[in-house]
Amino acid sequence: MKRWTTVLGRVGTVLIAISLALLLVSLIPQINLATSAGEMPVAPEQVYTTSYRVLTPQQGLGIKVTVEGTINVYFLELGVEESYPGVGMLFANVTELEEFLDANPDLVIWEYNLEDGYAERYYIPTKVMNITLVFHNPSSADAILDYEVTLTSTVAPGEKVRNIAYWTTPIGIILAIPWFLNSWKQRKQS
């Protein structure tokens, strides 16, 4: 019994040390790798698609959009090996965009309708994915789009690492308590 208490206690202390290290790693700030910004007019019934970027769970993509007029903004998450029409160029027409979105609703991460407003979104993928940004002007008037896209990188996906640390810390403490108590009793007796 004493041997098992020692083994479980040491496993517990290792889990505590690992969880503290993970918490420290999750606190390392992210780095901005690239930022692209621009202002462009989007004609009525026009669709514009940005070139896609391959992102990993250690990278994130932030977007800030200000619109004068009406714009629909879509974040699309595409598989690395998949290729879709319209990616990296203008869609031929709005019908092509609508058919694509209807056929692939699971690929839409975020959809937002902006009318003379501002929106901001930050996204970190759960696996290696192509991220595509689509702007669509559904109105009959020109819209002025001002956007900024930021690519960031982190040492580790912060939220996931923190969740693992939050779970392993109490498990480590529970495993280590009997060993600590046993060691404390032995020291008191000697």
N, C-alpha and C. Protein backbone atom coordinates (compact mmCIF):
# COMPACT_ATOMS: atom_id res chain seq x y z
N MET A 1 0.82 -1.19 0.00
CA MET A 1 0.00 0.00 0.00
C MET A 1 0.86 1.26 0.00
N LYS A 2 1.95 1.20 0.78
CA LYS A 2 2.84 2.35 0.88
C LYS A 2 3.50 2.63 -0.48
N ARG A 3 3.80 1.58 -1.21
CA ARG A 3 4.45 1.73 -2.52
C ARG A 3 3.48 2.41 -3.51
N TRP A 4 2.20 1.99 -3.50
CA TRP A 4 1.21 2.60 -4.39
C TRP A 4 0.98 4.06 -4.04
N THR A 5 0.97 4.37 -2.77
CA THR A 5 0.80 5.76 -2.34
C THR A 5 1.95 6.61 -2.88
N THR A 6 3.15 6.07 -2.81
CA THR A 6 4.32 6.79 -3.31
C THR A 6 4.24 6.98 -4.82
N VAL A 7 3.88 5.91 -5.54
CA VAL A 7 3.79 6.00 -7.01
C VAL A 7 2.71 7.00 -7.42
N LEU A 8 1.52 6.89 -6.83
CA LEU A 8 0.43 7.82 -7.19
C LEU A 8 0.77 9.25 -6.79
N GLY A 9 1.43 9.43 -5.67
CA GLY A 9 1.83 10.77 -5.24
C GLY A 9 2.81 11.40 -6.20
N ARG A 10 3.75 10.62 -6.66
CA ARG A 10 4.73 11.17 -7.62
C ARG A 10 4.08 11.47 -8.97
N VAL A 11 3.16 10.59 -9.38
CA VAL A 11 2.41 10.87 -10.62
C VAL A 11 1.62 12.17 -10.45
N GLY A 12 1.02 12.35 -9.28
CA GLY A 12 0.27 13.57 -9.00
C GLY A 12 1.13 14.81 -9.06
N THR A 13 2.32 14.75 -8.48
CA THR A 13 3.20 15.92 -8.51
C THR A 13 3.68 16.22 -9.94
N VAL A 14 3.88 15.18 -10.73
CA VAL A 14 4.25 15.39 -12.14
C VAL A 14 3.10 16.07 -12.88
N LEU A 15 1.86 15.62 -12.64
CA LEU A 15 0.70 16.26 -13.28
C LEU A 15 0.57 17.73 -12.87
N ILE A 16 0.83 18.02 -11.61
CA ILE A 16 0.79 19.41 -11.15
C ILE A 16 1.86 20.24 -11.86
N ALA A 17 3.05 19.71 -11.96
CA ALA A 17 4.14 20.43 -12.64
C ALA A 17 3.82 20.65 -14.12
N ILE A 18 3.28 19.63 -14.77
CA ILE A 18 2.92 19.77 -16.18
C ILE A 18 1.82 20.82 -16.36
N SER A 19 0.81 20.79 -15.49
CA SER A 19 -0.28 21.76 -15.63
C SER A 19 0.22 23.19 -15.39
N LEU A 20 1.13 23.38 -14.46
CA LEU A 20 1.70 24.72 -14.25
C LEU A 20 2.51 25.17 -15.46
N ALA A 21 3.25 24.25 -16.06
CA ALA A 21 4.01 24.59 -17.27
C ALA A 21 3.06 24.95 -18.42
N LEU A 22 1.98 24.21 -18.56
CA LEU A 22 1.00 24.52 -19.61
C LEU A 22 0.35 25.87 -19.38
N LEU A 23 0.05 26.19 -18.14
CA LEU A 23 -0.52 27.51 -17.85
C LEU A 23 0.46 28.62 -18.21
N LEU A 24 1.73 28.42 -17.92
CA LEU A 24 2.74 29.43 -18.28
C LEU A 24 2.86 29.58 -19.80
N VAL A 25 2.83 28.46 -20.51
CA VAL A 25 2.92 28.50 -21.98
C VAL A 25 1.71 29.23 -22.56
N SER A 26 0.52 29.01 -21.98
CA SER A 26 -0.68 29.65 -22.51
C SER A 26 -0.68 31.16 -22.28
N LEU A 27 0.15 31.65 -21.37
CA LEU A 27 0.21 33.09 -21.09
C LEU A 27 1.18 33.84 -22.00
N ILE A 28 1.95 33.11 -22.80
CA ILE A 28 2.87 33.76 -23.74
C ILE A 28 2.03 34.48 -24.79
N PRO A 29 2.24 35.78 -24.99
CA PRO A 29 1.39 36.53 -25.93
C PRO A 29 1.60 36.10 -27.38
N GLN A 30 0.58 36.35 -28.16
CA GLN A 30 0.65 36.02 -29.59
C GLN A 30 1.47 37.06 -30.35
N ILE A 31 1.95 36.66 -31.52
CA ILE A 31 2.74 37.54 -32.37
C ILE A 31 1.94 37.82 -33.64
N ASN A 32 1.96 39.04 -34.11
CA ASN A 32 1.35 39.35 -35.40
C ASN A 32 2.32 38.99 -36.50
N LEU A 33 1.94 38.04 -37.35
CA LEU A 33 2.80 37.62 -38.45
C LEU A 33 2.65 38.53 -39.67
N ALA A 34 1.40 38.87 -39.97
CA ALA A 34 1.15 39.70 -41.15
C ALA A 34 -0.17 40.44 -40.97
N THR A 35 -0.20 41.64 -41.52
CA THR A 35 -1.43 42.43 -41.51
C THR A 35 -1.62 42.99 -42.90
N SER A 36 -2.83 42.82 -43.41
CA SER A 36 -3.15 43.45 -44.68
C SER A 36 -4.42 44.25 -44.49
N ALA A 37 -4.43 45.43 -45.06
CA ALA A 37 -5.59 46.31 -44.92
C ALA A 37 -5.86 46.97 -46.26
N GLY A 38 -7.07 47.39 -46.42
CA GLY A 38 -7.41 48.06 -47.65
C GLY A 38 -8.80 48.65 -47.61
N GLU A 39 -9.03 49.49 -48.58
CA GLU A 39 -10.36 50.08 -48.76
C GLU A 39 -10.72 49.88 -50.21
N MET A 40 -11.94 49.40 -50.44
CA MET A 40 -12.33 49.16 -51.82
C MET A 40 -13.83 49.33 -51.98
N PRO A 41 -14.24 49.77 -53.15
CA PRO A 41 -15.67 49.82 -53.42
C PRO A 41 -16.14 48.43 -53.88
N VAL A 42 -17.31 48.04 -53.44
CA VAL A 42 -17.90 46.77 -53.89
C VAL A 42 -19.18 47.13 -54.63
N ALA A 43 -19.22 46.83 -55.92
CA ALA A 43 -20.35 47.19 -56.77
C ALA A 43 -21.60 46.40 -56.37
N PRO A 44 -22.78 46.88 -56.75
CA PRO A 44 -24.01 46.17 -56.44
C PRO A 44 -23.99 44.74 -57.00
N GLU A 45 -24.50 43.81 -56.19
CA GLU A 45 -24.58 42.40 -56.55
C GLU A 45 -23.21 41.79 -56.88
N GLN A 46 -22.15 42.40 -56.37
CA GLN A 46 -20.79 41.92 -56.62
C GLN A 46 -20.33 41.05 -55.45
N VAL A 47 -19.52 40.03 -55.74
CA VAL A 47 -18.95 39.16 -54.72
C VAL A 47 -17.45 39.20 -54.88
N TYR A 48 -16.73 39.41 -53.75
CA TYR A 48 -15.28 39.42 -53.78
C TYR A 48 -14.78 38.41 -52.76
N THR A 49 -13.85 37.56 -53.19
CA THR A 49 -13.29 36.53 -52.32
C THR A 49 -11.80 36.78 -52.16
N THR A 50 -11.33 36.79 -50.91
CA THR A 50 -9.90 36.96 -50.68
C THR A 50 -9.19 35.66 -51.00
N SER A 51 -7.90 35.76 -51.21
CA SER A 51 -7.13 34.54 -51.36
C SER A 51 -7.09 33.85 -50.02
N TYR A 52 -7.10 32.55 -50.03
CA TYR A 52 -7.18 31.81 -48.77
C TYR A 52 -5.81 31.66 -48.14
N ARG A 53 -5.81 31.38 -46.84
CA ARG A 53 -4.58 31.12 -46.09
C ARG A 53 -4.74 29.78 -45.39
N VAL A 54 -3.67 29.02 -45.35
CA VAL A 54 -3.67 27.77 -44.60
C VAL A 54 -3.30 28.12 -43.17
N LEU A 55 -4.18 27.78 -42.24
CA LEU A 55 -3.95 28.05 -40.83
C LEU A 55 -3.85 26.76 -40.04
N THR A 56 -3.06 26.80 -38.98
CA THR A 56 -2.95 25.68 -38.04
C THR A 56 -3.58 26.11 -36.72
N PRO A 57 -3.79 25.19 -35.77
CA PRO A 57 -4.35 25.59 -34.48
C PRO A 57 -3.46 26.55 -33.68
N GLN A 58 -2.22 26.74 -34.08
CA GLN A 58 -1.36 27.71 -33.41
C GLN A 58 -1.44 29.09 -34.06
N GLN A 59 -2.24 29.21 -35.11
CA GLN A 59 -2.38 30.49 -35.80
C GLN A 59 -3.84 30.95 -35.71
N GLY A 60 -4.01 32.23 -35.82
CA GLY A 60 -5.35 32.79 -35.80
C GLY A 60 -5.48 33.86 -36.86
N LEU A 61 -6.72 34.16 -37.22
CA LEU A 61 -6.99 35.17 -38.23
C LEU A 61 -8.01 36.14 -37.66
N GLY A 62 -7.64 37.41 -37.59
CA GLY A 62 -8.55 38.43 -37.09
C GLY A 62 -8.95 39.35 -38.22
N ILE A 63 -10.21 39.79 -38.19
CA ILE A 63 -10.68 40.71 -39.21
C ILE A 63 -11.46 41.83 -38.56
N LYS A 64 -11.23 43.04 -39.07
CA LYS A 64 -11.99 44.23 -38.68
C LYS A 64 -12.54 44.82 -39.96
N VAL A 65 -13.85 45.01 -40.00
CA VAL A 65 -14.51 45.50 -41.20
C VAL A 65 -15.38 46.70 -40.86
N THR A 66 -15.23 47.78 -41.63
CA THR A 66 -16.11 48.94 -41.53
C THR A 66 -16.74 49.13 -42.91
N VAL A 67 -18.05 49.33 -42.92
CA VAL A 67 -18.77 49.39 -44.19
C VAL A 67 -19.64 50.65 -44.25
N GLU A 68 -19.61 51.30 -45.42
CA GLU A 68 -20.58 52.33 -45.76
C GLU A 68 -21.43 51.73 -46.85
N GLY A 69 -22.63 51.36 -46.52
CA GLY A 69 -23.52 50.64 -47.43
C GLY A 69 -23.89 49.31 -46.79
N THR A 70 -24.15 48.31 -47.63
CA THR A 70 -24.53 47.00 -47.12
C THR A 70 -23.59 45.94 -47.67
N ILE A 71 -23.05 45.12 -46.77
CA ILE A 71 -22.13 44.04 -47.16
C ILE A 71 -22.45 42.80 -46.31
N ASN A 72 -22.44 41.64 -46.94
CA ASN A 72 -22.48 40.36 -46.23
C ASN A 72 -21.06 39.84 -46.17
N VAL A 73 -20.60 39.46 -44.98
CA VAL A 73 -19.25 38.96 -44.80
C VAL A 73 -19.33 37.50 -44.39
N TYR A 74 -18.54 36.64 -45.02
CA TYR A 74 -18.52 35.22 -44.72
C TYR A 74 -17.09 34.78 -44.43
N PHE A 75 -16.91 34.00 -43.38
CA PHE A 75 -15.66 33.27 -43.13
C PHE A 75 -15.95 31.84 -43.56
N LEU A 76 -15.16 31.29 -44.47
CA LEU A 76 -15.35 29.91 -44.91
C LEU A 76 -14.16 29.08 -44.47
N GLU A 77 -14.42 27.89 -43.92
CA GLU A 77 -13.37 26.98 -43.48
C GLU A 77 -13.34 25.81 -44.47
N LEU A 78 -12.28 25.75 -45.24
CA LEU A 78 -12.15 24.72 -46.27
C LEU A 78 -11.04 23.76 -45.91
N GLY A 79 -11.20 22.49 -46.31
CA GLY A 79 -10.15 21.50 -46.09
C GLY A 79 -8.91 21.85 -46.89
N VAL A 80 -7.76 21.42 -46.42
CA VAL A 80 -6.50 21.75 -47.09
C VAL A 80 -6.45 21.19 -48.50
N GLU A 81 -6.96 19.98 -48.68
CA GLU A 81 -6.87 19.35 -50.00
C GLU A 81 -8.03 19.72 -50.91
N GLU A 82 -9.03 20.45 -50.38
CA GLU A 82 -10.20 20.78 -51.18
C GLU A 82 -9.99 22.04 -52.00
N SER A 83 -10.58 22.06 -53.15
CA SER A 83 -10.51 23.23 -54.02
C SER A 83 -11.93 23.60 -54.42
N TYR A 84 -12.26 24.86 -54.34
CA TYR A 84 -13.61 25.31 -54.65
C TYR A 84 -13.56 26.41 -55.69
N PRO A 85 -14.60 26.47 -56.53
CA PRO A 85 -14.63 27.55 -57.52
C PRO A 85 -14.77 28.89 -56.83
N GLY A 86 -14.12 29.89 -57.39
CA GLY A 86 -14.27 31.23 -56.85
C GLY A 86 -13.27 31.59 -55.79
N VAL A 87 -12.55 30.63 -55.23
CA VAL A 87 -11.60 30.94 -54.16
C VAL A 87 -10.41 31.65 -54.77
N GLY A 88 -10.09 32.82 -54.23
CA GLY A 88 -8.96 33.59 -54.71
C GLY A 88 -9.29 34.47 -55.89
N MET A 89 -10.57 34.56 -56.28
CA MET A 89 -10.96 35.40 -57.41
C MET A 89 -12.40 35.82 -57.21
N LEU A 90 -12.92 36.60 -58.13
CA LEU A 90 -14.32 36.98 -58.07
C LEU A 90 -15.20 35.80 -58.48
N PHE A 91 -16.30 35.59 -57.76
CA PHE A 91 -17.27 34.62 -58.22
C PHE A 91 -17.86 35.16 -59.51
N ALA A 92 -18.30 34.27 -60.37
CA ALA A 92 -18.87 34.71 -61.63
C ALA A 92 -20.13 35.54 -61.40
N ASN A 93 -20.94 35.14 -60.41
CA ASN A 93 -22.15 35.90 -60.09
C ASN A 93 -22.63 35.52 -58.69
N VAL A 94 -23.67 36.20 -58.23
CA VAL A 94 -24.22 35.96 -56.90
C VAL A 94 -24.83 34.57 -56.81
N THR A 95 -25.40 34.10 -57.91
CA THR A 95 -26.02 32.77 -57.92
C THR A 95 -24.99 31.69 -57.61
N GLU A 96 -23.79 31.85 -58.15
CA GLU A 96 -22.72 30.89 -57.89
C GLU A 96 -22.35 30.86 -56.40
N LEU A 97 -22.30 32.04 -55.78
CA LEU A 97 -22.03 32.12 -54.34
C LEU A 97 -23.15 31.46 -53.55
N GLU A 98 -24.39 31.78 -53.86
CA GLU A 98 -25.53 31.21 -53.14
C GLU A 98 -25.58 29.69 -53.29
N GLU A 99 -25.32 29.18 -54.49
CA GLU A 99 -25.29 27.73 -54.70
C GLU A 99 -24.19 27.08 -53.87
N PHE A 100 -23.04 27.72 -53.83
CA PHE A 100 -21.92 27.21 -53.05
C PHE A 100 -22.27 27.17 -51.56
N LEU A 101 -22.85 28.26 -51.04
CA LEU A 101 -23.20 28.32 -49.62
C LEU A 101 -24.33 27.34 -49.28
N ASP A 102 -25.30 27.17 -50.17
CA ASP A 102 -26.39 26.21 -49.94
C ASP A 102 -25.88 24.78 -49.95
N ALA A 103 -24.93 24.49 -50.82
CA ALA A 103 -24.39 23.13 -50.93
C ALA A 103 -23.41 22.81 -49.80
N ASN A 104 -22.82 23.83 -49.18
CA ASN A 104 -21.80 23.62 -48.14
C ASN A 104 -22.06 24.48 -46.90
N PRO A 105 -23.20 24.33 -46.23
CA PRO A 105 -23.48 25.19 -45.07
C PRO A 105 -22.54 24.94 -43.89
N ASP A 106 -21.96 23.75 -43.82
CA ASP A 106 -21.04 23.44 -42.71
C ASP A 106 -19.69 24.15 -42.85
N LEU A 107 -19.41 24.71 -44.01
CA LEU A 107 -18.14 25.41 -44.23
C LEU A 107 -18.18 26.86 -43.77
N VAL A 108 -19.36 27.38 -43.48
CA VAL A 108 -19.50 28.77 -43.06
C VAL A 108 -19.25 28.85 -41.56
N ILE A 109 -18.14 29.48 -41.18
CA ILE A 109 -17.79 29.66 -39.78
C ILE A 109 -18.56 30.84 -39.22
N TRP A 110 -18.62 31.90 -39.99
CA TRP A 110 -19.20 33.14 -39.52
C TRP A 110 -19.84 33.85 -40.69
N GLU A 111 -21.04 34.35 -40.48
CA GLU A 111 -21.76 35.10 -41.50
C GLU A 111 -22.32 36.34 -40.82
N TYR A 112 -22.09 37.49 -41.42
CA TYR A 112 -22.53 38.72 -40.79
C TYR A 112 -23.02 39.69 -41.86
N ASN A 113 -24.18 40.31 -41.62
CA ASN A 113 -24.73 41.31 -42.53
C ASN A 113 -24.46 42.68 -41.91
N LEU A 114 -23.64 43.46 -42.57
CA LEU A 114 -23.28 44.80 -42.08
C LEU A 114 -23.96 45.87 -42.91
N GLU A 115 -24.60 46.80 -42.24
CA GLU A 115 -25.18 47.94 -42.92
C GLU A 115 -24.70 49.20 -42.22
N ASP A 116 -23.84 49.94 -42.89
CA ASP A 116 -23.23 51.15 -42.32
C ASP A 116 -22.75 50.88 -40.90
N GLY A 117 -21.85 49.92 -40.76
CA GLY A 117 -21.41 49.55 -39.42
C GLY A 117 -20.01 48.98 -39.38
N TYR A 118 -19.72 48.38 -38.22
CA TYR A 118 -18.39 47.85 -37.93
C TYR A 118 -18.55 46.45 -37.34
N ALA A 119 -17.67 45.55 -37.72
CA ALA A 119 -17.66 44.21 -37.14
C ALA A 119 -16.22 43.78 -36.96
N GLU A 120 -16.02 42.94 -35.95
CA GLU A 120 -14.68 42.44 -35.64
C GLU A 120 -14.83 40.97 -35.27
N ARG A 121 -13.91 40.15 -35.74
CA ARG A 121 -13.96 38.72 -35.44
C ARG A 121 -12.55 38.16 -35.41
N TYR A 122 -12.32 37.24 -34.49
CA TYR A 122 -11.03 36.56 -34.40
C TYR A 122 -11.32 35.06 -34.41
N TYR A 123 -10.57 34.32 -35.21
CA TYR A 123 -10.84 32.89 -35.36
C TYR A 123 -9.54 32.09 -35.28
N ILE A 124 -9.58 31.00 -34.51
CA ILE A 124 -8.49 30.04 -34.43
C ILE A 124 -9.05 28.69 -34.85
N PRO A 125 -8.53 28.07 -35.89
CA PRO A 125 -9.09 26.78 -36.33
C PRO A 125 -8.72 25.65 -35.37
N THR A 126 -9.51 24.59 -35.42
CA THR A 126 -9.26 23.42 -34.57
C THR A 126 -8.34 22.42 -35.26
N LYS A 127 -8.16 22.55 -36.56
CA LYS A 127 -7.25 21.68 -37.31
C LYS A 127 -6.67 22.50 -38.46
N VAL A 128 -5.79 21.93 -39.24
CA VAL A 128 -5.19 22.64 -40.37
C VAL A 128 -6.27 22.85 -41.43
N MET A 129 -6.54 24.13 -41.72
CA MET A 129 -7.63 24.48 -42.64
C MET A 129 -7.25 25.66 -43.51
N ASN A 130 -7.92 25.76 -44.66
CA ASN A 130 -7.85 26.96 -45.50
C ASN A 130 -8.97 27.88 -45.05
N ILE A 131 -8.65 29.13 -44.79
CA ILE A 131 -9.65 30.11 -44.39
C ILE A 131 -9.82 31.10 -45.53
N THR A 132 -11.06 31.30 -45.96
CA THR A 132 -11.37 32.21 -47.05
C THR A 132 -12.36 33.25 -46.57
N LEU A 133 -12.16 34.47 -46.96
CA LEU A 133 -13.01 35.58 -46.57
C LEU A 133 -13.78 36.05 -47.80
N VAL A 134 -15.11 36.14 -47.68
CA VAL A 134 -15.97 36.52 -48.82
C VAL A 134 -16.76 37.77 -48.46
N PHE A 135 -16.74 38.75 -49.35
CA PHE A 135 -17.55 39.96 -49.21
C PHE A 135 -18.58 39.97 -50.33
N HIS A 136 -19.84 40.22 -49.98
CA HIS A 136 -20.92 40.22 -50.97
C HIS A 136 -21.78 41.45 -50.75
N ASN A 137 -22.00 42.22 -51.81
CA ASN A 137 -22.87 43.39 -51.75
C ASN A 137 -24.24 42.99 -52.29
N PRO A 138 -25.24 42.75 -51.41
CA PRO A 138 -26.55 42.32 -51.87
C PRO A 138 -27.46 43.47 -52.31
N SER A 139 -27.05 44.71 -52.08
CA SER A 139 -27.91 45.86 -52.37
C SER A 139 -27.76 46.32 -53.82
N SER A 140 -28.53 47.35 -54.15
CA SER A 140 -28.46 47.90 -55.51
C SER A 140 -27.60 49.17 -55.56
N ALA A 141 -26.92 49.48 -54.45
CA ALA A 141 -26.05 50.66 -54.40
C ALA A 141 -24.61 50.23 -54.08
N ASP A 142 -23.66 51.05 -54.48
CA ASP A 142 -22.26 50.76 -54.17
C ASP A 142 -22.04 50.78 -52.65
N ALA A 143 -21.09 49.97 -52.20
CA ALA A 143 -20.70 49.94 -50.80
C ALA A 143 -19.20 50.17 -50.72
N ILE A 144 -18.77 50.91 -49.71
CA ILE A 144 -17.34 51.15 -49.48
C ILE A 144 -16.92 50.26 -48.32
N LEU A 145 -15.95 49.43 -48.57
CA LEU A 145 -15.48 48.45 -47.59
C LEU A 145 -14.08 48.82 -47.14
N ASP A 146 -13.90 48.95 -45.84
CA ASP A 146 -12.59 49.21 -45.24
C ASP A 146 -12.31 48.02 -44.33
N TYR A 147 -11.24 47.28 -44.61
CA TYR A 147 -10.98 46.06 -43.83
C TYR A 147 -9.52 45.96 -43.42
N GLU A 148 -9.30 45.18 -42.36
CA GLU A 148 -7.96 44.87 -41.90
C GLU A 148 -7.96 43.40 -41.49
N VAL A 149 -7.06 42.62 -42.05
CA VAL A 149 -6.94 41.20 -41.74
C VAL A 149 -5.57 40.99 -41.10
N THR A 150 -5.57 40.34 -39.92
CA THR A 150 -4.33 40.11 -39.18
C THR A 150 -4.13 38.62 -38.96
N LEU A 151 -2.95 38.14 -39.33
CA LEU A 151 -2.56 36.76 -39.10
C LEU A 151 -1.67 36.73 -37.86
N THR A 152 -2.04 35.94 -36.86
CA THR A 152 -1.28 35.87 -35.61
C THR A 152 -0.80 34.45 -35.38
N SER A 153 0.19 34.33 -34.51
CA SER A 153 0.73 33.02 -34.16
C SER A 153 0.96 32.95 -32.66
N THR A 154 0.73 31.77 -32.08
CA THR A 154 0.97 31.53 -30.67
C THR A 154 1.84 30.29 -30.52
N VAL A 155 2.44 30.14 -29.35
CA VAL A 155 3.26 28.96 -29.08
C VAL A 155 2.37 27.73 -29.05
N ALA A 156 1.22 27.86 -28.41
CA ALA A 156 0.26 26.77 -28.30
C ALA A 156 -1.14 27.38 -28.31
N PRO A 157 -2.14 26.61 -28.73
CA PRO A 157 -3.50 27.14 -28.68
C PRO A 157 -3.91 27.40 -27.24
N GLY A 158 -3.94 28.66 -26.83
CA GLY A 158 -4.12 29.06 -25.44
C GLY A 158 -5.31 28.46 -24.73
N GLU A 159 -6.47 28.52 -25.34
CA GLU A 159 -7.70 28.03 -24.69
C GLU A 159 -7.62 26.52 -24.43
N LYS A 160 -7.15 25.78 -25.42
CA LYS A 160 -7.05 24.32 -25.25
C LYS A 160 -6.04 23.96 -24.16
N VAL A 161 -4.90 24.63 -24.17
CA VAL A 161 -3.85 24.35 -23.20
C VAL A 161 -4.33 24.69 -21.79
N ARG A 162 -5.03 25.81 -21.64
CA ARG A 162 -5.57 26.17 -20.33
C ARG A 162 -6.59 25.15 -19.84
N ASN A 163 -7.45 24.68 -20.73
CA ASN A 163 -8.44 23.67 -20.33
C ASN A 163 -7.76 22.39 -19.85
N ILE A 164 -6.72 21.96 -20.53
CA ILE A 164 -5.98 20.77 -20.09
C ILE A 164 -5.37 21.01 -18.72
N ALA A 165 -4.79 22.19 -18.53
CA ALA A 165 -4.18 22.52 -17.24
C ALA A 165 -5.22 22.58 -16.13
N TYR A 166 -6.39 23.12 -16.44
CA TYR A 166 -7.46 23.21 -15.43
C TYR A 166 -7.92 21.82 -14.99
N TRP A 167 -7.87 20.84 -15.89
CA TRP A 167 -8.29 19.48 -15.53
C TRP A 167 -7.18 18.69 -14.84
N THR A 168 -5.94 18.86 -15.27
CA THR A 168 -4.86 18.05 -14.69
C THR A 168 -4.44 18.52 -13.30
N THR A 169 -4.60 19.79 -13.00
CA THR A 169 -4.21 20.29 -11.67
C THR A 169 -4.99 19.62 -10.55
N PRO A 170 -6.33 19.60 -10.58
CA PRO A 170 -7.04 18.94 -9.48
C PRO A 170 -6.78 17.43 -9.41
N ILE A 171 -6.61 16.80 -10.57
CA ILE A 171 -6.31 15.36 -10.57
C ILE A 171 -4.96 15.12 -9.90
N GLY A 172 -3.98 15.95 -10.26
CA GLY A 172 -2.66 15.83 -9.64
C GLY A 172 -2.70 16.06 -8.14
N ILE A 173 -3.49 17.04 -7.71
CA ILE A 173 -3.60 17.32 -6.27
C ILE A 173 -4.24 16.14 -5.54
N ILE A 174 -5.30 15.59 -6.12
CA ILE A 174 -5.98 14.44 -5.50
C ILE A 174 -5.03 13.25 -5.38
N LEU A 175 -4.23 13.01 -6.41
CA LEU A 175 -3.29 11.89 -6.37
C LEU A 175 -2.14 12.14 -5.39
N ALA A 176 -1.73 13.40 -5.23
CA ALA A 176 -0.56 13.71 -4.40
C ALA A 176 -0.88 13.86 -2.91
N ILE A 177 -2.11 14.17 -2.56
CA ILE A 177 -2.45 14.41 -1.14
C ILE A 177 -2.11 13.23 -0.24
N PRO A 178 -2.51 11.98 -0.56
CA PRO A 178 -2.15 10.88 0.35
C PRO A 178 -0.64 10.73 0.54
N TRP A 179 0.11 10.95 -0.50
CA TRP A 179 1.57 10.83 -0.41
C TRP A 179 2.15 11.93 0.48
N PHE A 180 1.65 13.16 0.29
CA PHE A 180 2.11 14.26 1.14
C PHE A 180 1.76 14.01 2.61
N LEU A 181 0.54 13.55 2.86
CA LEU A 181 0.12 13.27 4.25
C LEU A 181 0.96 12.15 4.85
N ASN A 182 1.22 11.10 4.08
CA ASN A 182 2.04 9.99 4.55
C ASN A 182 3.47 10.46 4.85
N SER A 183 4.04 11.27 3.97
CA SER A 183 5.39 11.81 4.19
C SER A 183 5.43 12.70 5.42
N TRP A 184 4.40 13.49 5.62
CA TRP A 184 4.33 14.40 6.76
C TRP A 184 4.23 13.62 8.07
N LYS A 185 3.42 12.54 8.07
CA LYS A 185 3.30 11.69 9.27
C LYS A 185 4.61 11.02 9.60
N GLN A 186 5.33 10.55 8.58
CA GLN A 186 6.62 9.88 8.81
C GLN A 186 7.64 10.86 9.39
N ARG A 187 7.64 12.08 8.93
CA ARG A 187 8.58 13.07 9.46
C ARG A 187 8.24 13.42 10.92
N LYS A 188 6.95 13.46 11.22
CA LYS A 188 6.53 13.77 12.58
C LYS A 188 6.92 12.67 13.54
N GLN A 189 6.86 11.41 13.06
CA GLN A 189 7.20 10.28 13.93
C GLN A 189 8.70 10.17 14.17
N SER A 190 9.50 10.63 13.26
CA SER A 190 10.96 10.49 13.43
C SER A 190 11.61 11.63 14.14
